[in-house]
Amino acid sequence: MTGPDAPAALRATGLGFRYRRRGDWALRDCEFTVPSGRITALVGRNGAGKSTLLHLAGGLLRAGSGEIHALDAVPGTAEARARVSLLTQDKPLYPRFTVADTLLMGERLNSSWDRATAEQTVREGDIPLSARVGELSPGQRTRVALALALGKRPELLLLDEPMADLDPVARGEIMASLMAEAAERGTSIVLSSHVLPELEQTCDWVLLLRDGHTELSEDVDTLRQSHTMLTGHSDHADALAARHTVVQRRSAGRQTTALIRQHGPLHGDWHVEQPRLEDILIGYLQTGGPERPVSAERTEAAA
């Protein structure tokens, strides 16, 4: 259930934010609902507004227009701070603190602190509690920062490119921990990442931004089932846009390959394949925007 009365991890209405120095909009007129209890992939090209959105949801920035709610609370309020954890790209930690000091700070700042979970997250990376944060590798510091975020026992965990400096094995371990967190405790997780193949295995909701606007906010299974990859004669290609949303198409000679969002039956002699989530996301990210038929626009607007 994703209607206006459904429980939501994040909900935005007319959300906009403009940086004063640059004067341009990082986000504008964003409308979306991310249901609670999901692992959400936040996807977009560099500059699409992903970090800005997470900073707004975490209370580090204030919306310039519209509004955003995290767990139906206003970001930055005491209620939201108690229930939401945000791990930013810079992962601010005190370099002179030991790992044990850092976790103790987390315990003193959070009334719902889970020491066992925090220490386990650190130990899984073979990080001594006596080590100083400033002497750790970037990947180890990421684990310590994640231990702080998980030890808080948040209802909503916001992660901005958290695993960019981890090796593939460590990324797999962290993703497994996040999936367990969501399954066992019902934690809502919003994860910004460029590693699309990993998202396919872990995420069940997609929030895709394009040029500061919301392009997709949708269940992963629904997204897969509604999209089709077609290969066929170029003579049939122009007719696709009249009936379906053409996300991306390429022509080579007399053959066309098209990723479409299907609205009704297909016409023409097409070879049909079911695309992977990665194919769908890349299709939306690589193009200037889908070609939508008028009928499909009306249907989506009424949904």
C-alpha atoms as a PDB file:
ATOM      1  CA  MET A   1       0.000   0.000   0.000  1.00  0.00           C
ATOM      2  CA  THR A   2       1.546   3.320  -1.094  1.00  0.00           C
ATOM      3  CA  GLY A   3      -1.386   5.713  -1.008  1.00  0.00           C
ATOM      4  CA  PRO A   4      -1.507   8.988   0.927  1.00  0.00           C
ATOM      5  CA  ASP A   5      -2.580   7.256   4.154  1.00  0.00           C
ATOM      6  CA  ALA A   6      -0.021   4.416   4.000  1.00  0.00           C
ATOM      7  CA  PRO A   7       2.879   4.270   6.485  1.00  0.00           C
ATOM      8  CA  ALA A   8       5.899   5.917   4.895  1.00  0.00           C
ATOM      9  CA  ALA A   9       9.610   5.933   5.599  1.00  0.00           C
ATOM     10  CA  LEU A  10       9.923   9.074   3.484  1.00  0.00           C
ATOM     11  CA  ARG A  11       7.289  11.253   1.899  1.00  0.00           C
ATOM     12  CA  ALA A  12       7.890  14.389  -0.172  1.00  0.00           C
ATOM     13  CA  THR A  13       5.426  16.885  -1.624  1.00  0.00           C
ATOM     14  CA  GLY A  14       6.600  19.661  -3.933  1.00  0.00           C
ATOM     15  CA  LEU A  15      10.058  19.317  -2.422  1.00  0.00           C
ATOM     16  CA  GLY A  16      12.681  21.750  -3.618  1.00  0.00           C
ATOM     17  CA  PHE A  17      16.111  22.938  -2.526  1.00  0.00           C
ATOM     18  CA  ARG A  18      18.393  25.551  -4.075  1.00  0.00           C
ATOM     19  CA  TYR A  19      21.999  26.236  -3.099  1.00  0.00           C
ATOM     20  CA  ARG A  20      22.469  29.957  -2.556  1.00  0.00           C
ATOM     21  CA  ARG A  21      26.004  30.193  -3.907  1.00  0.00           C
ATOM     22  CA  ARG A  22      25.255  28.446  -7.180  1.00  0.00           C
ATOM     23  CA  GLY A  23      21.698  29.709  -7.470  1.00  0.00           C
ATOM     24  CA  ASP A  24      20.497  26.557  -9.237  1.00  0.00           C
ATOM     25  CA  TRP A  25      18.010  24.007  -7.952  1.00  0.00           C
ATOM     26  CA  ALA A  26      19.468  20.751  -6.592  1.00  0.00           C
ATOM     27  CA  LEU A  27      15.918  19.403  -6.203  1.00  0.00           C
ATOM     28  CA  ARG A  28      12.678  20.809  -7.561  1.00  0.00           C
ATOM     29  CA  ASP A  29       9.014  19.746  -7.366  1.00  0.00           C
ATOM     30  CA  CYS A  30       9.888  16.266  -6.056  1.00  0.00           C
ATOM     31  CA  GLU A  31       6.884  14.081  -5.218  1.00  0.00           C
ATOM     32  CA  PHE A  32       7.334  10.561  -3.872  1.00  0.00           C
ATOM     33  CA  THR A  33       6.457   8.089  -1.138  1.00  0.00           C
ATOM     34  CA  VAL A  34       8.865   5.434   0.098  1.00  0.00           C
ATOM     35  CA  PRO A  35       6.963   2.807   2.138  1.00  0.00           C
ATOM     36  CA  SER A  36       8.273   1.764   5.524  1.00  0.00           C
ATOM     37  CA  GLY A  37      10.055  -1.550   5.994  1.00  0.00           C
ATOM     38  CA  ARG A  38      11.729  -1.449   2.560  1.00  0.00           C
ATOM     39  CA  ILE A  39      15.354  -1.419   1.430  1.00  0.00           C
ATOM     40  CA  THR A  40      15.281   1.420  -1.064  1.00  0.00           C
ATOM     41  CA  ALA A  41      17.864   2.063  -3.775  1.00  0.00           C
ATOM     42  CA  LEU A  42      18.335   5.808  -4.259  1.00  0.00           C
ATOM     43  CA  VAL A  43      19.692   6.078  -7.807  1.00  0.00           C
ATOM     44  CA  GLY A  44      20.759   8.934 -10.041  1.00  0.00           C
ATOM     45  CA  ARG A  45      23.684  10.314 -11.960  1.00  0.00           C
ATOM     46  CA  ASN A  46      26.196  12.629 -10.277  1.00  0.00           C
ATOM     47  CA  GLY A  47      24.462  15.915  -9.531  1.00  0.00           C
ATOM     48  CA  ALA A  48      20.971  14.435  -9.657  1.00  0.00           C
ATOM     49  CA  GLY A  49      20.292  15.473  -6.036  1.00  0.00           C
ATOM     50  CA  LYS A  50      20.769  12.209  -4.115  1.00  0.00           C
ATOM     51  CA  SER A  51      23.009  13.586  -1.347  1.00  0.00           C
ATOM     52  CA  THR A  52      20.864  16.709  -1.058  1.00  0.00           C
ATOM     53  CA  LEU A  53      17.755  14.562  -0.617  1.00  0.00           C
ATOM     54  CA  LEU A  54      19.382  12.451   2.102  1.00  0.00           C
ATOM     55  CA  HIS A  55      20.626  15.567   3.898  1.00  0.00           C
ATOM     56  CA  LEU A  56      17.097  16.983   3.818  1.00  0.00           C
ATOM     57  CA  ALA A  57      15.655  13.717   5.130  1.00  0.00           C
ATOM     58  CA  GLY A  58      18.302  13.581   7.854  1.00  0.00           C
ATOM     59  CA  GLY A  59      17.696  17.146   8.988  1.00  0.00           C
ATOM     60  CA  LEU A  60      21.067  18.598   7.894  1.00  0.00           C
ATOM     61  CA  LEU A  61      19.353  20.868   5.340  1.00  0.00           C
ATOM     62  CA  ARG A  62      15.978  22.597   5.248  1.00  0.00           C
ATOM     63  CA  ALA A  63      13.701  22.470   2.234  1.00  0.00           C
ATOM     64  CA  GLY A  64      13.481  25.631   0.177  1.00  0.00           C
ATOM     65  CA  SER A  65       9.986  24.714  -1.015  1.00  0.00           C
ATOM     66  CA  GLY A  66       7.468  21.965  -0.347  1.00  0.00           C
ATOM     67  CA  GLU A  67       8.035  19.510   2.461  1.00  0.00           C
ATOM     68  CA  ILE A  68       9.573  16.179   3.374  1.00  0.00           C
ATOM     69  CA  HIS A  69       8.712  13.884   6.273  1.00  0.00           C
ATOM     70  CA  ALA A  70      10.744  11.020   7.687  1.00  0.00           C
ATOM     71  CA  LEU A  71       8.525   8.470   9.479  1.00  0.00           C
ATOM     72  CA  ASP A  72       5.826  11.173   9.489  1.00  0.00           C
ATOM     73  CA  ALA A  73       8.138  13.439  11.513  1.00  0.00           C
ATOM     74  CA  VAL A  74       9.774  16.680  10.422  1.00  0.00           C
ATOM     75  CA  PRO A  75      13.501  16.088   9.827  1.00  0.00           C
ATOM     76  CA  GLY A  76      15.710  17.785  12.395  1.00  0.00           C
ATOM     77  CA  THR A  77      13.150  17.659  15.200  1.00  0.00           C
ATOM     78  CA  ALA A  78      13.820  15.726  18.386  1.00  0.00           C
ATOM     79  CA  GLU A  79      11.355  13.021  17.312  1.00  0.00           C
ATOM     80  CA  ALA A  80      13.056  12.535  13.956  1.00  0.00           C
ATOM     81  CA  ARG A  81      16.595  12.577  15.410  1.00  0.00           C
ATOM     82  CA  ALA A  82      15.652   9.821  17.845  1.00  0.00           C
ATOM     83  CA  ARG A  83      14.314   7.564  15.087  1.00  0.00           C
ATOM     84  CA  VAL A  84      16.530   8.329  12.071  1.00  0.00           C
ATOM     85  CA  SER A  85      20.236   7.661  11.416  1.00  0.00           C
ATOM     86  CA  LEU A  86      22.120   9.337   8.561  1.00  0.00           C
ATOM     87  CA  LEU A  87      25.529   8.161   7.383  1.00  0.00           C
ATOM     88  CA  THR A  88      26.974  10.797   5.038  1.00  0.00           C
ATOM     89  CA  GLN A  89      29.736  10.366   2.476  1.00  0.00           C
ATOM     90  CA  ASP A  90      32.354  12.137   4.602  1.00  0.00           C
ATOM     91  CA  LYS A  91      31.600   9.896   7.630  1.00  0.00           C
ATOM     92  CA  PRO A  92      32.595  12.450  10.299  1.00  0.00           C
ATOM     93  CA  LEU A  93      34.527  10.809  13.126  1.00  0.00           C
ATOM     94  CA  TYR A  94      37.023  12.097  15.690  1.00  0.00           C
ATOM     95  CA  PRO A  95      40.465  10.873  14.513  1.00  0.00           C
ATOM     96  CA  ARG A  96      42.029  10.999  17.994  1.00  0.00           C
ATOM     97  CA  PHE A  97      39.313   8.836  19.532  1.00  0.00           C
ATOM     98  CA  THR A  98      39.822   5.113  19.808  1.00  0.00           C
ATOM     99  CA  VAL A  99      37.128   2.889  18.332  1.00  0.00           C
ATOM    100  CA  ALA A 100      35.991   2.090  21.891  1.00  0.00           C
ATOM    101  CA  ASP A 101      35.777   5.845  22.667  1.00  0.00           C
ATOM    102  CA  THR A 102      33.719   6.378  19.519  1.00  0.00           C
ATOM    103  CA  LEU A 103      31.217   3.675  20.427  1.00  0.00           C
ATOM    104  CA  LEU A 104      31.029   4.997  23.993  1.00  0.00           C
ATOM    105  CA  MET A 105      30.187   8.434  22.596  1.00  0.00           C
ATOM    106  CA  GLY A 106      27.398   6.818  20.574  1.00  0.00           C
ATOM    107  CA  GLU A 107      26.079   5.121  23.698  1.00  0.00           C
ATOM    108  CA  ARG A 108      26.004   8.364  25.677  1.00  0.00           C
ATOM    109  CA  LEU A 109      24.274  10.290  22.885  1.00  0.00           C
ATOM    110  CA  ASN A 110      21.549   7.712  22.215  1.00  0.00           C
ATOM    111  CA  SER A 111      19.119   6.406  24.812  1.00  0.00           C
ATOM    112  CA  SER A 112      18.273   3.321  22.712  1.00  0.00           C
ATOM    113  CA  TRP A 113      21.911   2.318  22.117  1.00  0.00           C
ATOM    114  CA  ASP A 114      22.608  -1.325  21.250  1.00  0.00           C
ATOM    115  CA  ARG A 115      26.205  -1.955  22.306  1.00  0.00           C
ATOM    116  CA  ALA A 116      26.286  -5.554  21.111  1.00  0.00           C
ATOM    117  CA  THR A 117      25.265  -4.634  17.566  1.00  0.00           C
ATOM    118  CA  ALA A 118      27.748  -1.754  17.369  1.00  0.00           C
ATOM    119  CA  GLU A 119      30.662  -3.857  18.636  1.00  0.00           C
ATOM    120  CA  GLN A 120      29.745  -6.774  16.370  1.00  0.00           C
ATOM    121  CA  THR A 121      29.772  -4.497  13.314  1.00  0.00           C
ATOM    122  CA  VAL A 122      33.296  -3.392  14.230  1.00  0.00           C
ATOM    123  CA  ARG A 123      34.590  -6.871  15.045  1.00  0.00           C
ATOM    124  CA  GLU A 124      33.300  -8.281  11.744  1.00  0.00           C
ATOM    125  CA  GLY A 125      35.856  -5.993  10.108  1.00  0.00           C
ATOM    126  CA  ASP A 126      38.675  -7.235  12.404  1.00  0.00           C
ATOM    127  CA  ILE A 127      39.058  -3.747  13.856  1.00  0.00           C
ATOM    128  CA  PRO A 128      40.565  -3.591  17.387  1.00  0.00           C
ATOM    129  CA  LEU A 129      38.528  -1.492  19.796  1.00  0.00           C
ATOM    130  CA  SER A 130      41.808   0.022  21.006  1.00  0.00           C
ATOM    131  CA  ALA A 131      42.749   1.355  17.540  1.00  0.00           C
ATOM    132  CA  ARG A 132      42.644   5.110  16.929  1.00  0.00           C
ATOM    133  CA  VAL A 133      40.164   6.192  14.280  1.00  0.00           C
ATOM    134  CA  GLY A 134      42.735   8.366  12.517  1.00  0.00           C
ATOM    135  CA  GLU A 135      44.989   5.338  11.960  1.00  0.00           C
ATOM    136  CA  LEU A 136      42.289   3.219  10.316  1.00  0.00           C
ATOM    137  CA  SER A 137      41.946   2.612   6.586  1.00  0.00           C
ATOM    138  CA  PRO A 138      39.031   4.318   4.765  1.00  0.00           C
ATOM    139  CA  GLY A 139      37.152   1.017   4.695  1.00  0.00           C
ATOM    140  CA  GLN A 140      37.656   0.485   8.421  1.00  0.00           C
ATOM    141  CA  ARG A 141      36.437   4.000   9.184  1.00  0.00           C
ATOM    142  CA  THR A 142      33.343   3.221   7.134  1.00  0.00           C
ATOM    143  CA  ARG A 143      32.671   0.221   9.375  1.00  0.00           C
ATOM    144  CA  VAL A 144      33.046   2.303  12.518  1.00  0.00           C
ATOM    145  CA  ALA A 145      30.679   4.956  11.158  1.00  0.00           C
ATOM    146  CA  LEU A 146      28.180   2.245  10.226  1.00  0.00           C
ATOM    147  CA  ALA A 147      28.497   0.771  13.727  1.00  0.00           C
ATOM    148  CA  LEU A 148      27.427   4.152  15.127  1.00  0.00           C
ATOM    149  CA  ALA A 149      24.472   4.298  12.744  1.00  0.00           C
ATOM    150  CA  LEU A 150      23.295   0.736  13.505  1.00  0.00           C
ATOM    151  CA  GLY A 151      23.987   0.943  17.244  1.00  0.00           C
ATOM    152  CA  LYS A 152      21.439   3.733  17.493  1.00  0.00           C
ATOM    153  CA  ARG A 153      18.778   1.181  16.472  1.00  0.00           C
ATOM    154  CA  PRO A 154      17.069   3.555  14.063  1.00  0.00           C
ATOM    155  CA  GLU A 155      13.699   2.951  12.489  1.00  0.00           C
ATOM    156  CA  LEU A 156      15.011   4.652   9.337  1.00  0.00           C
ATOM    157  CA  LEU A 157      18.612   4.338   8.178  1.00  0.00           C
ATOM    158  CA  LEU A 158      19.838   6.762   5.489  1.00  0.00           C
ATOM    159  CA  LEU A 159      23.093   5.778   3.761  1.00  0.00           C
ATOM    160  CA  ASP A 160      24.863   8.074   1.274  1.00  0.00           C
ATOM    161  CA  GLU A 161      27.300   5.987  -0.811  1.00  0.00           C
ATOM    162  CA  PRO A 162      28.395   4.114   2.324  1.00  0.00           C
ATOM    163  CA  MET A 163      30.438   1.410   0.614  1.00  0.00           C
ATOM    164  CA  ALA A 164      32.365   3.332  -2.025  1.00  0.00           C
ATOM    165  CA  ASP A 165      35.667   2.702  -0.218  1.00  0.00           C
ATOM    166  CA  LEU A 166      35.048  -0.960   0.651  1.00  0.00           C
ATOM    167  CA  ASP A 167      36.401  -3.949  -1.249  1.00  0.00           C
ATOM    168  CA  PRO A 168      33.865  -6.350  -2.845  1.00  0.00           C
ATOM    169  CA  VAL A 169      34.030  -8.853   0.036  1.00  0.00           C
ATOM    170  CA  ALA A 170      33.437  -6.168   2.659  1.00  0.00           C
ATOM    171  CA  ARG A 171      30.601  -4.683   0.588  1.00  0.00           C
ATOM    172  CA  GLY A 172      28.949  -8.083   0.462  1.00  0.00           C
ATOM    173  CA  GLU A 173      29.255  -8.475   4.228  1.00  0.00           C
ATOM    174  CA  ILE A 174      27.800  -5.030   4.884  1.00  0.00           C
ATOM    175  CA  MET A 175      24.916  -5.591   2.477  1.00  0.00           C
ATOM    176  CA  ALA A 176      24.150  -8.892   4.223  1.00  0.00           C
ATOM    177  CA  SER A 177      24.098  -7.062   7.560  1.00  0.00           C
ATOM    178  CA  LEU A 178      21.713  -4.448   6.202  1.00  0.00           C
ATOM    179  CA  MET A 179      19.369  -7.102   4.811  1.00  0.00           C
ATOM    180  CA  ALA A 180      19.365  -8.864   8.182  1.00  0.00           C
ATOM    181  CA  GLU A 181      18.652  -5.545   9.903  1.00  0.00           C
ATOM    182  CA  ALA A 182      15.653  -4.933   7.666  1.00  0.00           C
ATOM    183  CA  ALA A 183      14.346  -8.500   7.973  1.00  0.00           C
ATOM    184  CA  GLU A 184      14.758  -8.900  11.736  1.00  0.00           C
ATOM    185  CA  ARG A 185      13.801  -5.443  12.964  1.00  0.00           C
ATOM    186  CA  GLY A 186      11.761  -3.994  10.115  1.00  0.00           C
ATOM    187  CA  THR A 187      14.229  -1.138   9.704  1.00  0.00           C
ATOM    188  CA  SER A 188      13.577   1.064   6.680  1.00  0.00           C
ATOM    189  CA  ILE A 189      16.790   1.650   4.718  1.00  0.00           C
ATOM    190  CA  VAL A 190      17.438   4.182   1.960  1.00  0.00           C
ATOM    191  CA  LEU A 191      20.739   3.441   0.240  1.00  0.00           C
ATOM    192  CA  SER A 192      22.378   5.702  -2.329  1.00  0.00           C
ATOM    193  CA  SER A 193      24.773   3.756  -4.539  1.00  0.00           C
ATOM    194  CA  HIS A 194      26.237   3.578  -8.041  1.00  0.00           C
ATOM    195  CA  VAL A 195      26.869  -0.186  -7.784  1.00  0.00           C
ATOM    196  CA  LEU A 196      23.705  -1.251  -9.594  1.00  0.00           C
ATOM    197  CA  PRO A 197      24.282  -5.058  -9.665  1.00  0.00           C
ATOM    198  CA  GLU A 198      24.453  -5.139  -5.855  1.00  0.00           C
ATOM    199  CA  LEU A 199      21.225  -3.181  -5.554  1.00  0.00           C
ATOM    200  CA  GLU A 200      19.396  -5.813  -7.596  1.00  0.00           C
ATOM    201  CA  GLN A 201      20.156  -8.448  -4.958  1.00  0.00           C
ATOM    202  CA  THR A 202      19.214  -6.397  -1.920  1.00  0.00           C
ATOM    203  CA  CYS A 203      16.711  -3.624  -2.669  1.00  0.00           C
ATOM    204  CA  ASP A 204      12.954  -3.981  -3.089  1.00  0.00           C
ATOM    205  CA  TRP A 205      12.099  -0.340  -3.822  1.00  0.00           C
ATOM    206  CA  VAL A 206      13.667   2.163  -6.238  1.00  0.00           C
ATOM    207  CA  LEU A 207      13.739   5.945  -5.974  1.00  0.00           C
ATOM    208  CA  LEU A 208      15.371   7.359  -9.110  1.00  0.00           C
ATOM    209  CA  LEU A 209      16.238  11.040  -9.509  1.00  0.00           C
ATOM    210  CA  ARG A 210      16.939  12.799 -12.776  1.00  0.00           C
ATOM    211  CA  ASP A 211      18.191  16.391 -12.842  1.00  0.00           C
ATOM    212  CA  GLY A 212      16.679  17.120  -9.442  1.00  0.00           C
ATOM    213  CA  HIS A 213      13.270  15.612 -10.236  1.00  0.00           C
ATOM    214  CA  THR A 214      11.670  12.306  -9.257  1.00  0.00           C
ATOM    215  CA  GLU A 215      11.650   9.945 -12.235  1.00  0.00           C
ATOM    216  CA  LEU A 216      10.682   6.707 -10.439  1.00  0.00           C
ATOM    217  CA  SER A 217       9.482   5.692  -6.985  1.00  0.00           C
ATOM    218  CA  GLU A 218       8.337   2.125  -7.300  1.00  0.00           C
ATOM    219  CA  ASP A 219       8.383  -1.472  -6.118  1.00  0.00           C
ATOM    220  CA  VAL A 220      11.225  -3.391  -7.762  1.00  0.00           C
ATOM    221  CA  ASP A 221       9.088  -6.367  -8.814  1.00  0.00           C
ATOM    222  CA  THR A 222       6.494  -4.077 -10.376  1.00  0.00           C
ATOM    223  CA  LEU A 223       9.257  -2.254 -12.199  1.00  0.00           C
ATOM    224  CA  ARG A 224      10.666  -5.481 -13.635  1.00  0.00           C
ATOM    225  CA  GLN A 225       7.267  -6.846 -14.674  1.00  0.00           C
ATOM    226  CA  SER A 226       6.153  -3.661 -16.413  1.00  0.00           C
ATOM    227  CA  HIS A 227       9.295  -3.218 -18.533  1.00  0.00           C
ATOM    228  CA  THR A 228      10.258  -5.197 -21.627  1.00  0.00           C
ATOM    229  CA  MET A 229      13.345  -5.323 -23.830  1.00  0.00           C
ATOM    230  CA  LEU A 230      12.477  -5.593 -27.523  1.00  0.00           C
ATOM    231  CA  THR A 231      14.575  -6.337 -30.589  1.00  0.00           C
ATOM    232  CA  GLY A 232      13.106  -6.125 -34.096  1.00  0.00           C
ATOM    233  CA  HIS A 233      12.883  -4.406 -37.461  1.00  0.00           C
ATOM    234  CA  SER A 234      13.314  -0.627 -37.361  1.00  0.00           C
ATOM    235  CA  ASP A 235      10.108  -0.150 -39.367  1.00  0.00           C
ATOM    236  CA  HIS A 236       8.095  -1.024 -36.233  1.00  0.00           C
ATOM    237  CA  ALA A 237      10.016   1.275 -33.865  1.00  0.00           C
ATOM    238  CA  ASP A 238       8.102   4.525 -34.440  1.00  0.00           C
ATOM    239  CA  ALA A 239       4.801   2.850 -33.576  1.00  0.00           C
ATOM    240  CA  LEU A 240       6.075   1.905 -30.091  1.00  0.00           C
ATOM    241  CA  ALA A 241       5.913   5.437 -28.710  1.00  0.00           C
ATOM    242  CA  ALA A 242       2.249   5.730 -29.679  1.00  0.00           C
ATOM    243  CA  ARG A 243       1.233   2.941 -27.287  1.00  0.00           C
ATOM    244  CA  HIS A 244       4.071   2.446 -24.782  1.00  0.00           C
ATOM    245  CA  THR A 245       6.619   4.450 -22.812  1.00  0.00           C
ATOM    246  CA  VAL A 246       9.905   4.131 -24.681  1.00  0.00           C
ATOM    247  CA  VAL A 247      12.632   4.451 -22.066  1.00  0.00           C
ATOM    248  CA  GLN A 248      15.546   3.917 -24.430  1.00  0.00           C
ATOM    249  CA  ARG A 249      16.041   2.782 -28.011  1.00  0.00           C
ATOM    250  CA  ARG A 250      19.023   2.178 -30.250  1.00  0.00           C
ATOM    251  CA  SER A 251      19.113   1.451 -33.966  1.00  0.00           C
ATOM    252  CA  ALA A 252      21.813  -0.346 -35.921  1.00  0.00           C
ATOM    253  CA  GLY A 253      21.020  -0.576 -39.602  1.00  0.00           C
ATOM    254  CA  ARG A 254      17.505  -1.992 -39.946  1.00  0.00           C
ATOM    255  CA  GLN A 255      17.370  -3.394 -36.397  1.00  0.00           C
ATOM    256  CA  THR A 256      16.147  -1.566 -33.302  1.00  0.00           C
ATOM    257  CA  THR A 257      16.566  -2.508 -29.637  1.00  0.00           C
ATOM    258  CA  ALA A 258      14.166  -0.760 -27.264  1.00  0.00           C
ATOM    259  CA  LEU A 259      13.506  -0.772 -23.537  1.00  0.00           C
ATOM    260  CA  ILE A 260       9.844   0.045 -23.004  1.00  0.00           C
ATOM    261  CA  ARG A 261       7.320   0.325 -20.237  1.00  0.00           C
ATOM    262  CA  GLN A 262       4.501  -1.714 -21.665  1.00  0.00           C
ATOM    263  CA  HIS A 263       0.923  -0.402 -21.715  1.00  0.00           C
ATOM    264  CA  GLY A 264      -1.224  -3.117 -23.223  1.00  0.00           C
ATOM    265  CA  PRO A 265      -0.406  -5.724 -25.914  1.00  0.00           C
ATOM    266  CA  LEU A 266       2.549  -5.454 -28.287  1.00  0.00           C
ATOM    267  CA  HIS A 267       2.064  -5.066 -32.030  1.00  0.00           C
ATOM    268  CA  GLY A 268       4.683  -6.104 -34.547  1.00  0.00           C
ATOM    269  CA  ASP A 269       7.233  -8.876 -34.848  1.00  0.00           C
ATOM    270  CA  TRP A 270       9.453  -8.366 -31.806  1.00  0.00           C
ATOM    271  CA  HIS A 271      11.886 -10.581 -29.945  1.00  0.00           C
ATOM    272  CA  VAL A 272      10.936 -10.066 -26.287  1.00  0.00           C
ATOM    273  CA  GLU A 273      13.201 -10.377 -23.222  1.00  0.00           C
ATOM    274  CA  GLN A 274      12.678  -9.610 -19.547  1.00  0.00           C
ATOM    275  CA  PRO A 275      15.248  -6.959 -18.517  1.00  0.00           C
ATOM    276  CA  ARG A 276      17.241  -6.994 -15.308  1.00  0.00           C
ATOM    277  CA  LEU A 277      16.750  -4.186 -12.813  1.00  0.00           C
ATOM    278  CA  GLU A 278      20.208  -2.925 -13.778  1.00  0.00           C
ATOM    279  CA  ASP A 279      19.141  -2.689 -17.444  1.00  0.00           C
ATOM    280  CA  ILE A 280      16.036  -0.717 -16.501  1.00  0.00           C
ATOM    281  CA  LEU A 281      17.889   1.738 -14.278  1.00  0.00           C
ATOM    282  CA  ILE A 282      20.660   2.306 -16.819  1.00  0.00           C
ATOM    283  CA  GLY A 283      18.017   2.872 -19.470  1.00  0.00           C
ATOM    284  CA  TYR A 284      16.456   5.676 -17.447  1.00  0.00           C
ATOM    285  CA  LEU A 285      19.825   7.154 -16.458  1.00  0.00           C
ATOM    286  CA  GLN A 286      21.344   7.226 -19.942  1.00  0.00           C
ATOM    287  CA  THR A 287      18.524   8.973 -21.785  1.00  0.00           C
ATOM    288  CA  GLY A 288      17.248  12.523 -21.699  1.00  0.00           C
ATOM    289  CA  GLY A 289      13.859  11.222 -20.584  1.00  0.00           C
ATOM    290  CA  PRO A 290      11.344   8.550 -21.610  1.00  0.00           C
ATOM    291  CA  GLU A 291       9.050   9.013 -24.613  1.00  0.00           C
ATOM    292  CA  ARG A 292       5.582   8.744 -23.063  1.00  0.00           C
ATOM    293  CA  PRO A 293       2.375   8.326 -25.045  1.00  0.00           C
ATOM    294  CA  VAL A 294      -0.413  10.693 -24.076  1.00  0.00           C
ATOM    295  CA  SER A 295      -2.627   7.822 -22.930  1.00  0.00           C
ATOM    296  CA  ALA A 296       0.110   6.454 -20.670  1.00  0.00           C
ATOM    297  CA  GLU A 297       0.696   9.882 -19.111  1.00  0.00           C
ATOM    298  CA  ARG A 298      -2.989  10.106 -18.214  1.00  0.00           C
ATOM    299  CA  THR A 299      -2.983   6.581 -16.789  1.00  0.00           C
ATOM    300  CA  GLU A 300       0.100   7.216 -14.625  1.00  0.00           C
ATOM    301  CA  ALA A 301      -1.236  10.547 -13.418  1.00  0.00           C
ATOM    302  CA  ALA A 302      -4.462   8.906 -12.251  1.00  0.00           C
ATOM    303  CA  ALA A 303      -2.674   5.996 -10.503  1.00  0.00           C
END
